[in-house]
Amino acid sequence: MRAVADVIARNAEDLVFIQMDAILGDLRAAGIIQYQEYLDVMEQSTQKKLLLLQETLPRRGDDAFPKFLECLRQRRHVVLADRMEREWRSLLNGCGSRSIAGDEEPSGGNSVATSRAADAATPTPTGNTVTAPNGETADDTKNSGSQNPEKNPVQKLKELSEKNGWGQPKYVDVGESGAAHDKMFIVKVVVNDKEYQPPKPGKSKKEARAIAASFCLESLV
């Protein structure tokens, strides 16, 4: 199902902030990801894990992607799961099952472009992509030419707090771990006098703040 890979690529910028290891474990327990695949990818980067999802979920049957969405919701990534499901269903309705499943190539062989055109009414997040145009890498690229770039979680949380009169979010450094060349940071955020501390660390304080903001946004839903 090309629609699944396309939706994952669209939402890559937000997917890097989910509880990736836990969700991969959930998918392994559900039989969607094989045990050896799970072991092989656990020591890899987040981008490699995203690439595994993008390559594996479309090949594991009609129930694989809905199960992934269920795992997202169980891990409190409800907003992201709902958005991905809307985009996925829109692609299914717009493109037809044969071309999405890969049984028939659209004219010119550009099925992803056809899928995107059919989903023009759905807002498309910009920024990170899981695979390069040649499909060989999982580099994190930026769409610098976009006129409406996707706001990062820190900015989203700031705007939400201002809108609701909660004041500015306060980020607090909780701690750090790891060797000097491989530090990991935990940051919590205080919004409306409530603390939100994610279970996942970041590789920098900036990334840790983004993770905290994303966790807070999911919790406020």
N, C-alpha and C. Protein backbone atom coordinates (compact mmCIF):
# COMPACT_ATOMS: atom_id res chain seq x y z
N MET A 1 0.84 -1.19 0.00
CA MET A 1 0.00 0.00 0.00
C MET A 1 0.88 1.24 0.00
N ARG A 2 0.98 1.87 -1.16
CA ARG A 2 1.81 3.06 -1.25
C ARG A 2 1.27 4.19 -0.38
N ALA A 3 -0.04 4.19 -0.14
CA ALA A 3 -0.62 5.24 0.69
C ALA A 3 0.00 5.26 2.08
N VAL A 4 0.31 4.09 2.61
CA VAL A 4 0.89 4.00 3.95
C VAL A 4 2.27 4.64 3.97
N ALA A 5 3.12 4.28 3.01
CA ALA A 5 4.46 4.85 2.94
C ALA A 5 4.40 6.36 2.75
N ASP A 6 3.45 6.81 1.95
CA ASP A 6 3.31 8.24 1.68
C ASP A 6 2.91 9.00 2.94
N VAL A 7 1.96 8.45 3.70
CA VAL A 7 1.51 9.10 4.93
C VAL A 7 2.63 9.16 5.96
N ILE A 8 3.42 8.10 6.06
CA ILE A 8 4.55 8.11 7.00
C ILE A 8 5.55 9.18 6.60
N ALA A 9 5.83 9.30 5.30
CA ALA A 9 6.77 10.32 4.84
C ALA A 9 6.25 11.72 5.13
N ARG A 10 4.95 11.93 4.94
CA ARG A 10 4.36 13.24 5.20
C ARG A 10 4.52 13.66 6.66
N ASN A 11 4.43 12.70 7.56
CA ASN A 11 4.40 13.00 8.99
C ASN A 11 5.72 12.68 9.69
N ALA A 12 6.79 12.55 8.91
CA ALA A 12 8.08 12.17 9.49
C ALA A 12 8.56 13.15 10.55
N GLU A 13 8.29 14.44 10.35
CA GLU A 13 8.79 15.45 11.29
C GLU A 13 8.20 15.26 12.68
N ASP A 14 6.95 14.82 12.75
CA ASP A 14 6.32 14.56 14.05
C ASP A 14 6.63 13.16 14.56
N LEU A 15 6.80 12.21 13.66
CA LEU A 15 7.05 10.83 14.07
C LEU A 15 8.39 10.67 14.79
N VAL A 16 9.34 11.57 14.54
CA VAL A 16 10.63 11.44 15.22
C VAL A 16 10.49 11.70 16.72
N PHE A 17 9.36 12.28 17.15
CA PHE A 17 9.17 12.60 18.56
C PHE A 17 8.28 11.60 19.30
N ILE A 18 7.81 10.56 18.63
CA ILE A 18 6.97 9.59 19.31
C ILE A 18 7.82 8.65 20.15
N GLN A 19 7.17 7.84 20.97
CA GLN A 19 7.88 6.84 21.77
C GLN A 19 8.20 5.65 20.85
N MET A 20 9.18 5.86 19.98
CA MET A 20 9.45 4.94 18.88
C MET A 20 9.77 3.53 19.35
N ASP A 21 10.66 3.40 20.33
CA ASP A 21 11.06 2.06 20.77
C ASP A 21 9.88 1.29 21.35
N ALA A 22 9.05 2.00 22.12
CA ALA A 22 7.89 1.35 22.73
C ALA A 22 6.90 0.91 21.66
N ILE A 23 6.69 1.74 20.66
CA ILE A 23 5.73 1.40 19.61
C ILE A 23 6.25 0.25 18.75
N LEU A 24 7.55 0.25 18.47
CA LEU A 24 8.12 -0.89 17.75
C LEU A 24 7.94 -2.18 18.55
N GLY A 25 8.09 -2.07 19.87
CA GLY A 25 7.85 -3.24 20.72
C GLY A 25 6.40 -3.69 20.66
N ASP A 26 5.48 -2.73 20.62
CA ASP A 26 4.05 -3.08 20.50
C ASP A 26 3.77 -3.79 19.17
N LEU A 27 4.38 -3.29 18.11
CA LEU A 27 4.18 -3.89 16.79
C LEU A 27 4.80 -5.29 16.72
N ARG A 28 5.92 -5.47 17.40
CA ARG A 28 6.53 -6.81 17.45
C ARG A 28 5.61 -7.77 18.20
N ALA A 29 5.07 -7.31 19.33
CA ALA A 29 4.17 -8.16 20.11
C ALA A 29 2.91 -8.52 19.33
N ALA A 30 2.50 -7.62 18.45
CA ALA A 30 1.30 -7.86 17.64
C ALA A 30 1.59 -8.69 16.39
N GLY A 31 2.87 -9.00 16.17
CA GLY A 31 3.24 -9.81 15.02
C GLY A 31 3.38 -9.03 13.73
N ILE A 32 3.35 -7.70 13.81
CA ILE A 32 3.50 -6.88 12.61
C ILE A 32 4.97 -6.79 12.20
N ILE A 33 5.83 -6.64 13.19
CA ILE A 33 7.28 -6.61 12.96
C ILE A 33 7.88 -7.90 13.51
N GLN A 34 8.73 -8.52 12.73
CA GLN A 34 9.35 -9.76 13.15
C GLN A 34 10.40 -9.51 14.24
N TYR A 35 10.63 -10.52 15.04
CA TYR A 35 11.53 -10.38 16.18
C TYR A 35 12.93 -9.96 15.75
N GLN A 36 13.44 -10.58 14.68
CA GLN A 36 14.80 -10.25 14.24
C GLN A 36 14.86 -8.83 13.68
N GLU A 37 13.81 -8.40 12.99
CA GLU A 37 13.76 -7.02 12.50
C GLU A 37 13.81 -6.05 13.68
N TYR A 38 13.08 -6.39 14.71
CA TYR A 38 13.05 -5.54 15.91
C TYR A 38 14.44 -5.44 16.55
N LEU A 39 15.10 -6.58 16.70
CA LEU A 39 16.44 -6.58 17.30
C LEU A 39 17.43 -5.79 16.46
N ASP A 40 17.36 -5.97 15.15
CA ASP A 40 18.32 -5.33 14.25
C ASP A 40 18.20 -3.80 14.27
N VAL A 41 16.99 -3.30 14.45
CA VAL A 41 16.78 -1.86 14.31
C VAL A 41 16.90 -1.10 15.63
N MET A 42 16.88 -1.80 16.75
CA MET A 42 16.84 -1.12 18.04
C MET A 42 18.07 -0.26 18.30
N GLU A 43 19.22 -0.63 17.75
CA GLU A 43 20.43 0.15 17.95
C GLU A 43 20.64 1.18 16.85
N GLN A 44 19.69 1.27 15.93
CA GLN A 44 19.82 2.20 14.82
C GLN A 44 19.23 3.57 15.18
N SER A 45 19.42 4.52 14.29
CA SER A 45 18.90 5.87 14.51
C SER A 45 17.39 5.90 14.35
N THR A 46 16.80 6.99 14.81
CA THR A 46 15.35 7.16 14.65
C THR A 46 14.95 7.14 13.19
N GLN A 47 15.77 7.73 12.33
CA GLN A 47 15.46 7.74 10.90
C GLN A 47 15.44 6.32 10.33
N LYS A 48 16.34 5.47 10.79
CA LYS A 48 16.35 4.07 10.33
C LYS A 48 15.09 3.35 10.81
N LYS A 49 14.65 3.67 12.01
CA LYS A 49 13.42 3.06 12.53
C LYS A 49 12.20 3.52 11.73
N LEU A 50 12.19 4.80 11.37
CA LEU A 50 11.11 5.29 10.51
C LEU A 50 11.13 4.60 9.15
N LEU A 51 12.32 4.40 8.63
CA LEU A 51 12.44 3.73 7.34
C LEU A 51 11.92 2.29 7.42
N LEU A 52 12.18 1.63 8.56
CA LEU A 52 11.65 0.28 8.75
C LEU A 52 10.12 0.29 8.70
N LEU A 53 9.51 1.26 9.38
CA LEU A 53 8.05 1.37 9.36
C LEU A 53 7.55 1.62 7.94
N GLN A 54 8.23 2.52 7.24
CA GLN A 54 7.79 2.89 5.90
C GLN A 54 7.88 1.70 4.94
N GLU A 55 8.89 0.87 5.11
CA GLU A 55 9.08 -0.26 4.21
C GLU A 55 8.27 -1.49 4.63
N THR A 56 8.04 -1.64 5.94
CA THR A 56 7.45 -2.86 6.45
C THR A 56 5.92 -2.82 6.52
N LEU A 57 5.36 -1.74 7.03
CA LEU A 57 3.90 -1.70 7.23
C LEU A 57 3.10 -1.95 5.95
N PRO A 58 3.52 -1.40 4.79
CA PRO A 58 2.73 -1.67 3.58
C PRO A 58 2.74 -3.13 3.16
N ARG A 59 3.72 -3.91 3.64
CA ARG A 59 3.86 -5.30 3.19
C ARG A 59 3.24 -6.31 4.16
N ARG A 60 2.72 -5.85 5.28
CA ARG A 60 2.26 -6.78 6.31
C ARG A 60 0.74 -6.89 6.39
N GLY A 61 0.06 -6.61 5.30
CA GLY A 61 -1.38 -6.83 5.26
C GLY A 61 -2.20 -5.60 5.58
N ASP A 62 -3.50 -5.73 5.38
CA ASP A 62 -4.40 -4.59 5.55
C ASP A 62 -4.52 -4.13 7.00
N ASP A 63 -4.20 -5.01 7.94
CA ASP A 63 -4.36 -4.65 9.35
C ASP A 63 -3.12 -3.99 9.94
N ALA A 64 -2.02 -3.96 9.20
CA ALA A 64 -0.75 -3.49 9.78
C ALA A 64 -0.81 -2.00 10.12
N PHE A 65 -1.23 -1.17 9.18
CA PHE A 65 -1.25 0.27 9.44
C PHE A 65 -2.30 0.65 10.49
N PRO A 66 -3.53 0.10 10.43
CA PRO A 66 -4.48 0.38 11.52
C PRO A 66 -3.93 -0.03 12.89
N LYS A 67 -3.17 -1.13 12.94
CA LYS A 67 -2.58 -1.54 14.22
C LYS A 67 -1.54 -0.52 14.67
N PHE A 68 -0.76 0.01 13.74
CA PHE A 68 0.21 1.05 14.06
C PHE A 68 -0.50 2.28 14.63
N LEU A 69 -1.60 2.68 14.01
CA LEU A 69 -2.37 3.83 14.52
C LEU A 69 -2.91 3.54 15.92
N GLU A 70 -3.34 2.31 16.14
CA GLU A 70 -3.82 1.93 17.47
C GLU A 70 -2.71 2.04 18.51
N CYS A 71 -1.50 1.61 18.12
CA CYS A 71 -0.35 1.72 19.03
C CYS A 71 -0.05 3.19 19.35
N LEU A 72 -0.13 4.05 18.33
CA LEU A 72 0.09 5.47 18.56
C LEU A 72 -0.90 6.02 19.59
N ARG A 73 -2.15 5.65 19.45
CA ARG A 73 -3.17 6.15 20.37
C ARG A 73 -2.95 5.61 21.78
N GLN A 74 -2.56 4.36 21.88
CA GLN A 74 -2.31 3.77 23.20
C GLN A 74 -1.14 4.45 23.89
N ARG A 75 -0.21 4.97 23.09
CA ARG A 75 0.95 5.68 23.65
C ARG A 75 0.71 7.18 23.74
N ARG A 76 -0.55 7.59 23.63
CA ARG A 76 -0.99 8.97 23.84
C ARG A 76 -0.58 9.92 22.73
N HIS A 77 -0.34 9.38 21.54
CA HIS A 77 -0.09 10.22 20.37
C HIS A 77 -1.38 10.30 19.55
N VAL A 78 -2.45 10.73 20.20
CA VAL A 78 -3.78 10.66 19.60
C VAL A 78 -3.92 11.63 18.43
N VAL A 79 -3.46 12.85 18.60
CA VAL A 79 -3.60 13.85 17.55
C VAL A 79 -2.89 13.41 16.27
N LEU A 80 -1.68 12.92 16.43
CA LEU A 80 -0.90 12.46 15.28
C LEU A 80 -1.58 11.27 14.62
N ALA A 81 -2.07 10.32 15.41
CA ALA A 81 -2.73 9.14 14.85
C ALA A 81 -3.98 9.52 14.07
N ASP A 82 -4.76 10.45 14.63
CA ASP A 82 -5.99 10.87 13.95
C ASP A 82 -5.67 11.55 12.62
N ARG A 83 -4.64 12.39 12.61
CA ARG A 83 -4.28 13.08 11.37
C ARG A 83 -3.79 12.09 10.31
N MET A 84 -2.96 11.14 10.73
CA MET A 84 -2.45 10.16 9.78
C MET A 84 -3.57 9.29 9.23
N GLU A 85 -4.54 8.96 10.08
CA GLU A 85 -5.66 8.14 9.60
C GLU A 85 -6.49 8.91 8.58
N ARG A 86 -6.72 10.20 8.83
CA ARG A 86 -7.47 11.01 7.87
C ARG A 86 -6.76 11.06 6.52
N GLU A 87 -5.45 11.28 6.55
CA GLU A 87 -4.69 11.36 5.31
C GLU A 87 -4.71 10.01 4.58
N TRP A 88 -4.55 8.94 5.34
CA TRP A 88 -4.54 7.59 4.76
C TRP A 88 -5.88 7.29 4.08
N ARG A 89 -6.97 7.56 4.78
CA ARG A 89 -8.29 7.28 4.20
C ARG A 89 -8.57 8.18 3.00
N SER A 90 -8.08 9.40 3.05
CA SER A 90 -8.26 10.29 1.92
C SER A 90 -7.53 9.77 0.69
N LEU A 91 -6.32 9.24 0.89
CA LEU A 91 -5.57 8.66 -0.22
C LEU A 91 -6.26 7.41 -0.75
N LEU A 92 -6.78 6.59 0.14
CA LEU A 92 -7.49 5.39 -0.29
C LEU A 92 -8.71 5.74 -1.12
N ASN A 93 -9.46 6.73 -0.67
CA ASN A 93 -10.67 7.12 -1.38
C ASN A 93 -10.36 7.82 -2.69
N GLY A 94 -9.22 8.51 -2.74
CA GLY A 94 -8.91 9.29 -3.92
C GLY A 94 -8.23 8.52 -5.02
N CYS A 95 -7.49 7.45 -4.64
CA CYS A 95 -6.66 6.78 -5.64
C CYS A 95 -7.19 5.43 -6.07
N GLY A 96 -8.03 4.81 -5.27
CA GLY A 96 -8.49 3.47 -5.63
C GLY A 96 -7.54 2.43 -5.11
N SER A 97 -8.05 1.27 -4.78
CA SER A 97 -7.25 0.25 -4.11
C SER A 97 -6.17 -0.34 -4.99
N ARG A 98 -6.39 -0.45 -6.32
CA ARG A 98 -5.42 -1.16 -7.15
C ARG A 98 -4.11 -0.39 -7.26
N SER A 99 -4.18 0.91 -7.55
CA SER A 99 -2.94 1.66 -7.72
C SER A 99 -2.22 1.83 -6.40
N ILE A 100 -2.96 1.93 -5.30
CA ILE A 100 -2.32 2.09 -4.00
C ILE A 100 -1.62 0.80 -3.59
N ALA A 101 -2.23 -0.31 -3.87
CA ALA A 101 -1.64 -1.58 -3.48
C ALA A 101 -0.47 -1.96 -4.34
N GLY A 102 -0.26 -1.24 -5.44
CA GLY A 102 0.89 -1.52 -6.28
C GLY A 102 0.60 -2.50 -7.39
N ASP A 103 -0.69 -2.89 -7.60
CA ASP A 103 -1.01 -3.83 -8.66
C ASP A 103 -0.95 -3.17 -10.03
N GLU A 104 -1.05 -1.83 -10.05
CA GLU A 104 -1.10 -1.16 -11.33
C GLU A 104 -0.41 0.18 -11.21
N GLU A 105 0.57 0.45 -12.04
CA GLU A 105 1.30 1.70 -12.00
C GLU A 105 0.51 2.79 -12.71
N PRO A 106 0.33 3.97 -12.12
CA PRO A 106 -0.30 5.07 -12.82
C PRO A 106 0.58 5.53 -13.97
N SER A 107 0.02 6.32 -14.87
CA SER A 107 0.76 6.83 -16.01
C SER A 107 1.98 7.58 -15.53
N GLY A 108 3.15 7.25 -16.10
CA GLY A 108 4.39 7.91 -15.71
C GLY A 108 5.06 7.25 -14.54
N GLY A 109 4.38 6.30 -13.85
CA GLY A 109 5.01 5.55 -12.76
C GLY A 109 5.14 6.32 -11.47
N ASN A 110 4.53 7.51 -11.38
CA ASN A 110 4.70 8.32 -10.17
C ASN A 110 3.46 8.21 -9.31
N SER A 111 3.33 7.08 -8.59
CA SER A 111 2.13 6.84 -7.81
C SER A 111 2.03 7.78 -6.63
N VAL A 112 3.17 8.14 -6.01
CA VAL A 112 3.13 9.03 -4.86
C VAL A 112 2.63 10.40 -5.26
N ALA A 113 3.10 10.89 -6.43
CA ALA A 113 2.63 12.19 -6.90
C ALA A 113 1.14 12.16 -7.16
N THR A 114 0.64 11.04 -7.73
CA THR A 114 -0.79 10.92 -7.97
C THR A 114 -1.56 10.93 -6.66
N SER A 115 -1.02 10.23 -5.64
CA SER A 115 -1.67 10.19 -4.34
C SER A 115 -1.74 11.57 -3.73
N ARG A 116 -0.65 12.32 -3.83
CA ARG A 116 -0.64 13.66 -3.25
C ARG A 116 -1.63 14.57 -3.95
N ALA A 117 -1.74 14.45 -5.27
CA ALA A 117 -2.68 15.29 -6.00
C ALA A 117 -4.10 14.99 -5.58
N ALA A 118 -4.41 13.71 -5.34
CA ALA A 118 -5.76 13.34 -4.94
C ALA A 118 -6.10 13.84 -3.56
N ASP A 119 -5.07 14.12 -2.76
CA ASP A 119 -5.30 14.55 -1.38
C ASP A 119 -5.00 16.03 -1.20
N ALA A 120 -5.23 16.82 -2.25
CA ALA A 120 -4.85 18.23 -2.22
C ALA A 120 -5.58 18.99 -1.13
N ALA A 121 -6.77 18.51 -0.73
CA ALA A 121 -7.54 19.22 0.28
C ALA A 121 -7.04 18.99 1.68
N THR A 122 -6.15 18.00 1.86
CA THR A 122 -5.64 17.68 3.19
C THR A 122 -4.34 18.42 3.43
N PRO A 123 -4.21 19.16 4.56
CA PRO A 123 -2.95 19.85 4.85
C PRO A 123 -1.80 18.85 4.89
N THR A 124 -0.71 19.20 4.24
CA THR A 124 0.43 18.31 4.16
C THR A 124 1.59 18.87 4.94
N PRO A 125 2.01 18.20 6.05
CA PRO A 125 3.17 18.68 6.80
C PRO A 125 4.39 18.71 5.91
N THR A 126 5.22 19.73 6.10
CA THR A 126 6.45 19.84 5.32
C THR A 126 7.63 19.61 6.21
N GLY A 127 8.81 19.44 5.61
CA GLY A 127 10.02 19.29 6.42
C GLY A 127 10.66 17.95 6.18
N ASN A 128 10.77 17.14 7.24
CA ASN A 128 11.52 15.90 7.17
C ASN A 128 10.89 14.91 6.22
N THR A 129 11.71 14.19 5.49
CA THR A 129 11.24 13.07 4.71
C THR A 129 12.04 11.85 5.12
N VAL A 130 11.44 10.68 5.01
CA VAL A 130 12.11 9.48 5.46
C VAL A 130 13.10 9.00 4.43
N THR A 131 12.75 9.10 3.15
CA THR A 131 13.64 8.61 2.12
C THR A 131 13.97 9.71 1.13
N ALA A 132 15.17 9.63 0.57
CA ALA A 132 15.56 10.56 -0.47
C ALA A 132 14.84 10.20 -1.75
N PRO A 133 14.86 11.10 -2.77
CA PRO A 133 14.13 10.81 -4.00
C PRO A 133 14.50 9.48 -4.65
N ASN A 134 15.76 9.04 -4.50
CA ASN A 134 16.14 7.77 -5.11
C ASN A 134 15.82 6.58 -4.23
N GLY A 135 15.28 6.83 -3.02
CA GLY A 135 14.86 5.75 -2.13
C GLY A 135 15.99 5.03 -1.45
N GLU A 136 17.23 5.55 -1.52
CA GLU A 136 18.36 4.79 -1.01
C GLU A 136 18.74 5.17 0.41
N THR A 137 18.34 6.34 0.88
CA THR A 137 18.75 6.77 2.20
C THR A 137 17.55 7.21 3.02
N ALA A 138 17.81 7.45 4.32
CA ALA A 138 16.76 7.92 5.21
C ALA A 138 17.16 9.27 5.79
N ASP A 139 17.77 10.12 4.97
CA ASP A 139 18.25 11.41 5.44
C ASP A 139 17.10 12.30 5.84
N ASP A 140 17.38 13.16 6.80
CA ASP A 140 16.39 14.11 7.29
C ASP A 140 16.57 15.40 6.53
N THR A 141 15.68 15.66 5.57
CA THR A 141 15.84 16.81 4.70
C THR A 141 14.81 17.86 5.02
N LYS A 142 15.10 19.08 4.63
CA LYS A 142 14.21 20.20 4.88
C LYS A 142 13.69 20.76 3.58
N ASN A 143 12.41 21.07 3.57
CA ASN A 143 11.80 21.68 2.41
C ASN A 143 11.85 23.19 2.58
N SER A 144 13.03 23.75 2.32
CA SER A 144 13.26 25.16 2.61
C SER A 144 12.44 26.07 1.73
N GLY A 145 11.93 25.57 0.60
CA GLY A 145 11.19 26.42 -0.30
C GLY A 145 9.73 26.54 0.05
N SER A 146 9.26 25.84 1.07
CA SER A 146 7.85 25.89 1.41
C SER A 146 7.48 27.24 1.97
N GLN A 147 6.34 27.76 1.55
CA GLN A 147 5.88 29.04 2.05
C GLN A 147 5.15 28.89 3.37
N ASN A 148 4.69 27.68 3.71
CA ASN A 148 3.97 27.43 4.95
C ASN A 148 4.60 26.27 5.70
N PRO A 149 5.80 26.46 6.25
CA PRO A 149 6.48 25.35 6.93
C PRO A 149 5.72 24.90 8.16
N GLU A 150 5.82 23.63 8.46
CA GLU A 150 5.18 23.06 9.64
C GLU A 150 5.82 23.65 10.89
N LYS A 151 5.00 24.11 11.81
CA LYS A 151 5.52 24.67 13.05
C LYS A 151 6.06 23.55 13.93
N ASN A 152 7.16 23.83 14.62
CA ASN A 152 7.70 22.81 15.50
C ASN A 152 6.89 22.76 16.79
N PRO A 153 7.04 21.67 17.57
CA PRO A 153 6.22 21.50 18.77
C PRO A 153 6.37 22.63 19.78
N VAL A 154 7.58 23.19 19.91
CA VAL A 154 7.79 24.28 20.85
C VAL A 154 6.94 25.49 20.47
N GLN A 155 6.92 25.82 19.18
CA GLN A 155 6.12 26.94 18.71
C GLN A 155 4.63 26.66 18.86
N LYS A 156 4.22 25.43 18.56
CA LYS A 156 2.81 25.06 18.70
C LYS A 156 2.35 25.21 20.14
N LEU A 157 3.18 24.73 21.07
CA LEU A 157 2.81 24.79 22.48
C LEU A 157 2.76 26.24 22.96
N LYS A 158 3.68 27.05 22.50
CA LYS A 158 3.69 28.47 22.86
C LYS A 158 2.39 29.15 22.42
N GLU A 159 1.99 28.89 21.18
CA GLU A 159 0.78 29.51 20.66
C GLU A 159 -0.46 29.00 21.38
N LEU A 160 -0.48 27.70 21.69
CA LEU A 160 -1.62 27.15 22.42
C LEU A 160 -1.73 27.76 23.81
N SER A 161 -0.59 27.93 24.48
CA SER A 161 -0.59 28.51 25.82
C SER A 161 -1.06 29.96 25.79
N GLU A 162 -0.60 30.71 24.81
CA GLU A 162 -1.02 32.10 24.68
C GLU A 162 -2.52 32.18 24.39
N LYS A 163 -2.99 31.30 23.53
CA LYS A 163 -4.41 31.30 23.16
C LYS A 163 -5.31 31.04 24.36
N ASN A 164 -4.85 30.17 25.27
CA ASN A 164 -5.67 29.79 26.42
C ASN A 164 -5.35 30.61 27.67
N GLY A 165 -4.45 31.58 27.55
CA GLY A 165 -4.12 32.42 28.68
C GLY A 165 -3.34 31.73 29.77
N TRP A 166 -2.52 30.74 29.39
CA TRP A 166 -1.74 29.99 30.37
C TRP A 166 -0.37 30.60 30.63
N GLY A 167 -0.03 31.63 29.90
CA GLY A 167 1.31 32.19 30.02
C GLY A 167 2.32 31.40 29.20
N GLN A 168 3.58 31.77 29.31
CA GLN A 168 4.62 31.10 28.54
C GLN A 168 4.98 29.74 29.15
N PRO A 169 5.12 28.71 28.32
CA PRO A 169 5.62 27.42 28.85
C PRO A 169 7.01 27.59 29.45
N LYS A 170 7.27 26.89 30.54
CA LYS A 170 8.57 26.95 31.19
C LYS A 170 9.27 25.59 31.05
N TYR A 171 10.45 25.61 30.47
CA TYR A 171 11.22 24.39 30.25
C TYR A 171 12.27 24.24 31.35
N VAL A 172 12.30 23.07 31.95
CA VAL A 172 13.20 22.82 33.07
C VAL A 172 14.10 21.63 32.74
N ASP A 173 15.42 21.83 32.85
CA ASP A 173 16.36 20.74 32.63
C ASP A 173 16.28 19.76 33.80
N VAL A 174 15.93 18.53 33.50
CA VAL A 174 15.78 17.51 34.55
C VAL A 174 17.09 16.79 34.81
N GLY A 175 17.81 16.47 33.76
CA GLY A 175 19.07 15.76 33.94
C GLY A 175 19.66 15.35 32.61
N GLU A 176 20.83 14.75 32.68
CA GLU A 176 21.50 14.27 31.48
C GLU A 176 22.25 12.99 31.81
N SER A 177 22.55 12.22 30.78
CA SER A 177 23.24 10.95 30.99
C SER A 177 24.10 10.65 29.77
N GLY A 178 24.93 9.64 29.90
CA GLY A 178 25.76 9.22 28.79
C GLY A 178 27.16 9.80 28.85
N ALA A 179 28.02 9.28 27.96
CA ALA A 179 29.39 9.75 27.89
C ALA A 179 29.43 11.18 27.35
N ALA A 180 30.57 11.83 27.53
CA ALA A 180 30.70 13.23 27.13
C ALA A 180 30.42 13.43 25.65
N HIS A 181 30.78 12.45 24.83
CA HIS A 181 30.59 12.59 23.39
C HIS A 181 29.21 12.11 22.93
N ASP A 182 28.43 11.59 23.87
CA ASP A 182 27.12 11.04 23.49
C ASP A 182 26.09 11.34 24.58
N LYS A 183 25.96 12.60 24.93
CA LYS A 183 25.06 13.01 26.00
C LYS A 183 23.60 12.89 25.58
N MET A 184 22.76 12.55 26.54
CA MET A 184 21.31 12.53 26.36
C MET A 184 20.70 13.44 27.43
N PHE A 185 19.67 14.18 27.05
CA PHE A 185 19.10 15.19 27.94
C PHE A 185 17.60 14.95 28.14
N ILE A 186 17.16 15.16 29.38
CA ILE A 186 15.73 15.10 29.71
C ILE A 186 15.29 16.50 30.14
N VAL A 187 14.24 16.99 29.52
CA VAL A 187 13.68 18.30 29.84
C VAL A 187 12.18 18.13 30.09
N LYS A 188 11.67 18.80 31.11
CA LYS A 188 10.23 18.81 31.33
C LYS A 188 9.71 20.22 31.06
N VAL A 189 8.41 20.32 30.83
CA VAL A 189 7.82 21.62 30.56
C VAL A 189 6.65 21.83 31.52
N VAL A 190 6.52 23.05 32.00
CA VAL A 190 5.44 23.41 32.91
C VAL A 190 4.46 24.32 32.16
N VAL A 191 3.22 23.88 32.07
CA VAL A 191 2.18 24.63 31.38
C VAL A 191 0.95 24.70 32.28
N ASN A 192 0.47 25.90 32.52
CA ASN A 192 -0.72 26.10 33.35
C ASN A 192 -0.55 25.43 34.71
N ASP A 193 0.66 25.57 35.27
CA ASP A 193 1.01 25.05 36.60
C ASP A 193 1.06 23.52 36.66
N LYS A 194 1.10 22.86 35.52
CA LYS A 194 1.22 21.40 35.49
C LYS A 194 2.51 21.02 34.78
N GLU A 195 3.18 19.99 35.31
CA GLU A 195 4.44 19.53 34.74
C GLU A 195 4.20 18.37 33.77
N TYR A 196 4.92 18.40 32.66
CA TYR A 196 4.85 17.34 31.66
C TYR A 196 6.28 16.89 31.35
N GLN A 197 6.61 15.68 31.77
CA GLN A 197 7.96 15.16 31.56
C GLN A 197 7.89 13.91 30.69
N PRO A 198 8.44 13.95 29.49
CA PRO A 198 8.39 12.79 28.60
C PRO A 198 9.35 11.70 29.05
N PRO A 199 9.08 10.46 28.68
CA PRO A 199 9.99 9.37 29.05
C PRO A 199 11.21 9.30 28.15
N LYS A 200 11.17 10.02 27.05
CA LYS A 200 12.23 9.91 26.05
C LYS A 200 13.20 11.08 26.15
N PRO A 201 14.52 10.83 26.16
CA PRO A 201 15.50 11.91 26.18
C PRO A 201 15.78 12.44 24.78
N GLY A 202 16.51 13.53 24.71
CA GLY A 202 16.93 14.09 23.44
C GLY A 202 18.44 14.11 23.34
N LYS A 203 18.94 14.19 22.13
CA LYS A 203 20.39 14.20 21.91
C LYS A 203 20.99 15.59 22.15
N SER A 204 20.13 16.58 22.30
CA SER A 204 20.56 17.93 22.64
C SER A 204 19.46 18.56 23.48
N LYS A 205 19.77 19.68 24.14
CA LYS A 205 18.74 20.33 24.94
C LYS A 205 17.61 20.85 24.05
N LYS A 206 17.97 21.30 22.86
CA LYS A 206 16.95 21.78 21.92
C LYS A 206 15.99 20.65 21.54
N GLU A 207 16.55 19.49 21.22
CA GLU A 207 15.70 18.35 20.87
C GLU A 207 14.89 17.90 22.07
N ALA A 208 15.49 17.92 23.26
CA ALA A 208 14.78 17.51 24.47
C ALA A 208 13.59 18.43 24.75
N ARG A 209 13.76 19.73 24.48
CA ARG A 209 12.64 20.66 24.67
C ARG A 209 11.53 20.38 23.67
N ALA A 210 11.91 20.06 22.44
CA ALA A 210 10.91 19.74 21.43
C ALA A 210 10.15 18.47 21.81
N ILE A 211 10.86 17.50 22.36
CA ILE A 211 10.21 16.25 22.81
C ILE A 211 9.24 16.55 23.95
N ALA A 212 9.67 17.40 24.89
CA ALA A 212 8.80 17.77 26.00
C ALA A 212 7.56 18.50 25.51
N ALA A 213 7.74 19.41 24.56
CA ALA A 213 6.60 20.15 24.01
C ALA A 213 5.64 19.22 23.30
N SER A 214 6.18 18.29 22.52
CA SER A 214 5.34 17.33 21.80
C SER A 214 4.56 16.45 22.77
N PHE A 215 5.24 16.00 23.83
CA PHE A 215 4.59 15.16 24.84
C PHE A 215 3.46 15.94 25.53
N CYS A 216 3.72 17.21 25.82
CA CYS A 216 2.70 18.05 26.47
C CYS A 216 1.49 18.23 25.56
N LEU A 217 1.74 18.49 24.28
CA LEU A 217 0.64 18.69 23.34
C LEU A 217 -0.23 17.44 23.25
N GLU A 218 0.41 16.28 23.21
CA GLU A 218 -0.35 15.03 23.16
C GLU A 218 -1.15 14.83 24.44
N SER A 219 -0.58 15.21 25.57
CA SER A 219 -1.25 15.02 26.86
C SER A 219 -2.44 15.95 27.03
N LEU A 220 -2.39 17.10 26.38
CA LEU A 220 -3.46 18.09 26.54
C LEU A 220 -4.68 17.78 25.68
N VAL A 221 -4.54 16.81 24.79
CA VAL A 221 -5.67 16.47 23.91
C VAL A 221 -6.79 15.81 24.73
